[in-house]
Amino acid sequence: MNILLIIAASIGGLVLLILVLALFTKKGYSIQRSIIIDKPKEEVFFYLKHLRNQDMFSKWVMTDPFMQKKYTGVDGTVGFIYAWEGNKKAGKGEQEIKKITEGNRLDIEVRFEKPFEAVAQTPFTVENVSPNQTKVTWFMISQMKYPMNVIMLFMNMDTALGKDMDISLGNLKTILER
């Protein structure tokens, strides 16, 4: 009986420790990655604002070639929704174009359902480097609810997500520079 009490107290103590740590852990993260593409800004922006093009460059979309997709609205316009449901790696969710500042910025909201619920803002900005070079910057900004934010103690979101963003931007560069 004493062993069961010790095990139960240990588990309870561990759960309590995790909950207390989560109280003092940051709840949000912000990541950004950039790349220079040897194409005019207008051409790059036009490609980016069509969310279906992510099928060609997003590492996350490519994690499940059999992913089910549903589109609502007109791609490249405010309100367009790209929903997906895939394997365990791809998860389930949707992204929506929330605002377009033509030729400069595309504001996208991503709403994840699986493997966990979360909302992220993932805007793209484009700026001229020269007449035939464009800098694309991709952001990911999100908050994690208590107590899930304790994950931030053990996971570097910049490293974990940034690597995939870099790969995706590299794919984008390859496609647009063909």
C-alpha atoms as a PDB file:
ATOM      1  CA  MET A   1       0.000   0.000   0.000  1.00  0.00           C
ATOM      2  CA  ASN A   2       2.862   2.398   0.834  1.00  0.00           C
ATOM      3  CA  ILE A   3       4.374   1.842  -2.614  1.00  0.00           C
ATOM      4  CA  LEU A   4       1.096   2.839  -4.281  1.00  0.00           C
ATOM      5  CA  LEU A   5       0.949   6.014  -2.185  1.00  0.00           C
ATOM      6  CA  ILE A   6       4.533   6.874  -3.096  1.00  0.00           C
ATOM      7  CA  ILE A   7       3.840   6.302  -6.811  1.00  0.00           C
ATOM      8  CA  ALA A   8       0.603   8.336  -6.685  1.00  0.00           C
ATOM      9  CA  ALA A   9       2.329  11.171  -4.767  1.00  0.00           C
ATOM     10  CA  SER A  10       5.224  11.156  -7.233  1.00  0.00           C
ATOM     11  CA  ILE A  11       2.904  11.354 -10.237  1.00  0.00           C
ATOM     12  CA  GLY A  12       0.836  14.062  -8.541  1.00  0.00           C
ATOM     13  CA  GLY A  13       3.985  16.011  -7.699  1.00  0.00           C
ATOM     14  CA  LEU A  14       5.228  15.759 -11.279  1.00  0.00           C
ATOM     15  CA  VAL A  15       1.878  16.960 -12.661  1.00  0.00           C
ATOM     16  CA  LEU A  16       1.869  19.846 -10.175  1.00  0.00           C
ATOM     17  CA  LEU A  17       5.436  20.780 -11.119  1.00  0.00           C
ATOM     18  CA  ILE A  18       4.508  20.835 -14.816  1.00  0.00           C
ATOM     19  CA  LEU A  19       1.469  23.022 -14.127  1.00  0.00           C
ATOM     20  CA  VAL A  20       3.538  25.464 -12.058  1.00  0.00           C
ATOM     21  CA  LEU A  21       6.273  25.606 -14.714  1.00  0.00           C
ATOM     22  CA  ALA A  22       3.649  26.365 -17.364  1.00  0.00           C
ATOM     23  CA  LEU A  23       2.527  29.396 -15.338  1.00  0.00           C
ATOM     24  CA  PHE A  24       5.962  30.969 -15.760  1.00  0.00           C
ATOM     25  CA  THR A  25       6.723  29.843 -19.311  1.00  0.00           C
ATOM     26  CA  LYS A  26       6.242  32.152 -22.286  1.00  0.00           C
ATOM     27  CA  LYS A  27       3.016  31.518 -24.106  1.00  0.00           C
ATOM     28  CA  GLY A  28       3.852  32.764 -27.569  1.00  0.00           C
ATOM     29  CA  TYR A  29       6.444  32.494 -30.260  1.00  0.00           C
ATOM     30  CA  SER A  30       7.376  34.392 -33.380  1.00  0.00           C
ATOM     31  CA  ILE A  31       9.524  33.022 -36.184  1.00  0.00           C
ATOM     32  CA  GLN A  32      10.597  34.566 -39.439  1.00  0.00           C
ATOM     33  CA  ARG A  33      12.609  33.397 -42.396  1.00  0.00           C
ATOM     34  CA  SER A  34      13.626  35.220 -45.593  1.00  0.00           C
ATOM     35  CA  ILE A  35      15.007  34.403 -48.999  1.00  0.00           C
ATOM     36  CA  ILE A  36      16.010  36.372 -52.090  1.00  0.00           C
ATOM     37  CA  ILE A  37      14.329  35.238 -55.310  1.00  0.00           C
ATOM     38  CA  ASP A  38      15.656  36.293 -58.697  1.00  0.00           C
ATOM     39  CA  LYS A  39      12.292  37.424 -60.076  1.00  0.00           C
ATOM     40  CA  PRO A  40      10.382  40.719 -60.039  1.00  0.00           C
ATOM     41  CA  LYS A  41       8.331  41.472 -56.953  1.00  0.00           C
ATOM     42  CA  GLU A  42       4.985  41.451 -58.789  1.00  0.00           C
ATOM     43  CA  GLU A  43       5.565  37.958 -60.178  1.00  0.00           C
ATOM     44  CA  VAL A  44       6.596  36.591 -56.787  1.00  0.00           C
ATOM     45  CA  PHE A  45       3.634  38.163 -54.995  1.00  0.00           C
ATOM     46  CA  PHE A  46       1.145  36.920 -57.583  1.00  0.00           C
ATOM     47  CA  TYR A  47       2.404  33.351 -57.074  1.00  0.00           C
ATOM     48  CA  LEU A  48       2.363  33.587 -53.261  1.00  0.00           C
ATOM     49  CA  LYS A  49      -1.141  34.967 -52.936  1.00  0.00           C
ATOM     50  CA  HIS A  50      -2.619  31.816 -54.486  1.00  0.00           C
ATOM     51  CA  LEU A  51      -2.636  29.380 -51.578  1.00  0.00           C
ATOM     52  CA  ARG A  52      -3.015  26.352 -53.848  1.00  0.00           C
ATOM     53  CA  ASN A  53       0.558  27.020 -54.994  1.00  0.00           C
ATOM     54  CA  GLN A  54       1.708  25.889 -51.560  1.00  0.00           C
ATOM     55  CA  ASP A  55       1.140  22.362 -52.865  1.00  0.00           C
ATOM     56  CA  MET A  56       4.309  22.884 -54.924  1.00  0.00           C
ATOM     57  CA  PHE A  57       6.600  24.408 -52.279  1.00  0.00           C
ATOM     58  CA  SER A  58       5.381  23.849 -48.702  1.00  0.00           C
ATOM     59  CA  LYS A  59       7.229  21.083 -46.897  1.00  0.00           C
ATOM     60  CA  TRP A  60       4.231  20.645 -44.621  1.00  0.00           C
ATOM     61  CA  VAL A  61       1.816  20.032 -47.501  1.00  0.00           C
ATOM     62  CA  MET A  62       4.276  17.544 -48.973  1.00  0.00           C
ATOM     63  CA  THR A  63       4.282  15.391 -45.809  1.00  0.00           C
ATOM     64  CA  ASP A  64       1.198  13.550 -47.068  1.00  0.00           C
ATOM     65  CA  PRO A  65       0.780  13.040 -50.824  1.00  0.00           C
ATOM     66  CA  PHE A  66      -2.720  11.600 -50.183  1.00  0.00           C
ATOM     67  CA  MET A  67      -3.917  14.569 -48.129  1.00  0.00           C
ATOM     68  CA  GLN A  68      -7.567  15.487 -48.659  1.00  0.00           C
ATOM     69  CA  LYS A  69      -8.074  19.142 -49.532  1.00  0.00           C
ATOM     70  CA  LYS A  70     -11.097  21.380 -49.757  1.00  0.00           C
ATOM     71  CA  TYR A  71     -11.195  24.903 -51.145  1.00  0.00           C
ATOM     72  CA  THR A  72     -13.768  27.562 -50.372  1.00  0.00           C
ATOM     73  CA  GLY A  73     -13.929  30.867 -52.240  1.00  0.00           C
ATOM     74  CA  VAL A  74     -11.691  32.321 -54.928  1.00  0.00           C
ATOM     75  CA  ASP A  75      -7.984  31.593 -54.514  1.00  0.00           C
ATOM     76  CA  GLY A  76      -5.866  34.727 -54.328  1.00  0.00           C
ATOM     77  CA  THR A  77      -8.646  36.790 -52.710  1.00  0.00           C
ATOM     78  CA  VAL A  78      -9.560  37.678 -49.127  1.00  0.00           C
ATOM     79  CA  GLY A  79     -11.711  34.967 -47.567  1.00  0.00           C
ATOM     80  CA  PHE A  80     -10.305  32.062 -49.579  1.00  0.00           C
ATOM     81  CA  ILE A  81      -9.987  28.979 -47.358  1.00  0.00           C
ATOM     82  CA  TYR A  82      -7.695  26.014 -48.008  1.00  0.00           C
ATOM     83  CA  ALA A  83      -8.630  23.141 -45.678  1.00  0.00           C
ATOM     84  CA  TRP A  84      -6.731  19.886 -45.344  1.00  0.00           C
ATOM     85  CA  GLU A  85      -6.898  16.560 -43.576  1.00  0.00           C
ATOM     86  CA  GLY A  86      -3.952  14.244 -43.767  1.00  0.00           C
ATOM     87  CA  ASN A  87      -1.907  11.639 -41.988  1.00  0.00           C
ATOM     88  CA  LYS A  88      -0.613  12.052 -38.417  1.00  0.00           C
ATOM     89  CA  LYS A  89       2.250  14.268 -39.601  1.00  0.00           C
ATOM     90  CA  ALA A  90       0.084  16.557 -41.739  1.00  0.00           C
ATOM     91  CA  GLY A  91      -2.797  16.741 -39.283  1.00  0.00           C
ATOM     92  CA  LYS A  92      -6.003  18.618 -39.970  1.00  0.00           C
ATOM     93  CA  GLY A  93      -6.796  22.296 -40.275  1.00  0.00           C
ATOM     94  CA  GLU A  94      -7.391  25.196 -42.583  1.00  0.00           C
ATOM     95  CA  GLN A  95      -5.812  28.439 -43.640  1.00  0.00           C
ATOM     96  CA  GLU A  96      -7.585  31.580 -44.720  1.00  0.00           C
ATOM     97  CA  ILE A  97      -6.457  34.696 -46.552  1.00  0.00           C
ATOM     98  CA  LYS A  98      -7.399  37.455 -44.099  1.00  0.00           C
ATOM     99  CA  LYS A  99      -5.941  40.511 -45.847  1.00  0.00           C
ATOM    100  CA  ILE A 100      -4.031  41.364 -48.997  1.00  0.00           C
ATOM    101  CA  THR A 101      -1.932  44.488 -49.330  1.00  0.00           C
ATOM    102  CA  GLU A 102      -1.495  44.095 -53.070  1.00  0.00           C
ATOM    103  CA  GLY A 103       2.098  43.584 -54.120  1.00  0.00           C
ATOM    104  CA  ASN A 104       3.441  43.821 -50.549  1.00  0.00           C
ATOM    105  CA  ARG A 105       1.839  41.599 -47.929  1.00  0.00           C
ATOM    106  CA  LEU A 106      -0.379  38.550 -47.655  1.00  0.00           C
ATOM    107  CA  ASP A 107      -1.968  37.913 -44.241  1.00  0.00           C
ATOM    108  CA  ILE A 108      -2.917  34.281 -43.630  1.00  0.00           C
ATOM    109  CA  GLU A 109      -4.479  32.731 -40.562  1.00  0.00           C
ATOM    110  CA  VAL A 110      -3.861  29.025 -40.003  1.00  0.00           C
ATOM    111  CA  ARG A 111      -6.248  27.133 -37.754  1.00  0.00           C
ATOM    112  CA  PHE A 112      -4.961  23.728 -36.684  1.00  0.00           C
ATOM    113  CA  GLU A 113      -7.366  21.052 -35.431  1.00  0.00           C
ATOM    114  CA  LYS A 114      -5.110  17.980 -35.252  1.00  0.00           C
ATOM    115  CA  PRO A 115      -2.760  16.871 -33.809  1.00  0.00           C
ATOM    116  CA  PHE A 116      -3.661  19.772 -31.456  1.00  0.00           C
ATOM    117  CA  GLU A 117      -5.757  22.913 -31.662  1.00  0.00           C
ATOM    118  CA  ALA A 118      -3.922  26.154 -32.328  1.00  0.00           C
ATOM    119  CA  VAL A 119      -4.163  29.344 -34.365  1.00  0.00           C
ATOM    120  CA  ALA A 120      -1.195  30.996 -36.076  1.00  0.00           C
ATOM    121  CA  GLN A 121      -0.721  34.107 -38.155  1.00  0.00           C
ATOM    122  CA  THR A 122       1.567  33.315 -41.091  1.00  0.00           C
ATOM    123  CA  PRO A 123       1.992  36.426 -43.229  1.00  0.00           C
ATOM    124  CA  PHE A 124       4.280  36.749 -46.240  1.00  0.00           C
ATOM    125  CA  THR A 125       5.867  40.056 -47.177  1.00  0.00           C
ATOM    126  CA  VAL A 126       7.709  40.860 -50.386  1.00  0.00           C
ATOM    127  CA  GLU A 127      10.044  43.749 -51.118  1.00  0.00           C
ATOM    128  CA  ASN A 128      12.234  44.818 -53.997  1.00  0.00           C
ATOM    129  CA  VAL A 129      15.926  44.159 -53.682  1.00  0.00           C
ATOM    130  CA  SER A 130      16.472  45.209 -57.302  1.00  0.00           C
ATOM    131  CA  PRO A 131      14.178  45.279 -60.371  1.00  0.00           C
ATOM    132  CA  ASN A 132      14.644  41.516 -60.807  1.00  0.00           C
ATOM    133  CA  GLN A 133      15.202  40.425 -57.214  1.00  0.00           C
ATOM    134  CA  THR A 134      12.641  40.082 -54.455  1.00  0.00           C
ATOM    135  CA  LYS A 135      13.064  39.429 -50.768  1.00  0.00           C
ATOM    136  CA  VAL A 136      10.320  37.170 -49.408  1.00  0.00           C
ATOM    137  CA  THR A 137       9.855  37.067 -45.640  1.00  0.00           C
ATOM    138  CA  TRP A 138       7.589  34.476 -44.049  1.00  0.00           C
ATOM    139  CA  PHE A 139       6.436  34.879 -40.466  1.00  0.00           C
ATOM    140  CA  MET A 140       4.764  32.500 -38.038  1.00  0.00           C
ATOM    141  CA  ILE A 141       3.267  34.003 -34.909  1.00  0.00           C
ATOM    142  CA  SER A 142       1.230  32.017 -32.409  1.00  0.00           C
ATOM    143  CA  GLN A 143       0.205  31.594 -28.803  1.00  0.00           C
ATOM    144  CA  MET A 144      -0.001  28.335 -26.879  1.00  0.00           C
ATOM    145  CA  LYS A 145      -2.685  27.919 -24.236  1.00  0.00           C
ATOM    146  CA  TYR A 146      -1.863  27.030 -20.643  1.00  0.00           C
ATOM    147  CA  PRO A 147      -0.706  24.362 -19.768  1.00  0.00           C
ATOM    148  CA  MET A 148       0.343  23.292 -23.304  1.00  0.00           C
ATOM    149  CA  ASN A 149       2.822  26.176 -23.307  1.00  0.00           C
ATOM    150  CA  VAL A 150       5.094  24.069 -21.068  1.00  0.00           C
ATOM    151  CA  ILE A 151       6.225  22.430 -24.337  1.00  0.00           C
ATOM    152  CA  MET A 152       8.106  25.668 -25.048  1.00  0.00           C
ATOM    153  CA  LEU A 153      10.537  24.742 -22.250  1.00  0.00           C
ATOM    154  CA  PHE A 154      11.591  21.618 -24.106  1.00  0.00           C
ATOM    155  CA  MET A 155      11.151  22.604 -27.752  1.00  0.00           C
ATOM    156  CA  ASN A 156      12.828  25.427 -29.638  1.00  0.00           C
ATOM    157  CA  MET A 157      10.032  26.521 -31.971  1.00  0.00           C
ATOM    158  CA  ASP A 158      12.413  28.599 -34.075  1.00  0.00           C
ATOM    159  CA  THR A 159      14.557  25.551 -34.773  1.00  0.00           C
ATOM    160  CA  ALA A 160      11.682  23.074 -35.116  1.00  0.00           C
ATOM    161  CA  LEU A 161       9.514  25.150 -37.451  1.00  0.00           C
ATOM    162  CA  GLY A 162      12.177  27.392 -38.942  1.00  0.00           C
ATOM    163  CA  LYS A 163      13.937  24.472 -40.626  1.00  0.00           C
ATOM    164  CA  ASP A 164      10.747  23.558 -42.505  1.00  0.00           C
ATOM    165  CA  MET A 165      10.144  27.199 -43.404  1.00  0.00           C
ATOM    166  CA  ASP A 166      13.676  27.384 -44.857  1.00  0.00           C
ATOM    167  CA  ILE A 167      13.079  24.253 -46.929  1.00  0.00           C
ATOM    168  CA  SER A 168       9.748  25.612 -48.182  1.00  0.00           C
ATOM    169  CA  LEU A 169      11.263  28.970 -49.130  1.00  0.00           C
ATOM    170  CA  GLY A 170      14.077  27.154 -50.942  1.00  0.00           C
ATOM    171  CA  ASN A 171      11.464  25.187 -52.883  1.00  0.00           C
ATOM    172  CA  LEU A 172       9.654  28.441 -53.700  1.00  0.00           C
ATOM    173  CA  LYS A 173      12.888  29.966 -55.013  1.00  0.00           C
ATOM    174  CA  THR A 174      13.600  26.923 -57.208  1.00  0.00           C
ATOM    175  CA  ILE A 175      10.092  26.972 -58.689  1.00  0.00           C
ATOM    176  CA  LEU A 176      10.009  30.711 -59.403  1.00  0.00           C
ATOM    177  CA  GLU A 177      13.524  30.885 -60.835  1.00  0.00           C
ATOM    178  CA  ARG A 178      12.921  28.154 -63.455  1.00  0.00           C
END
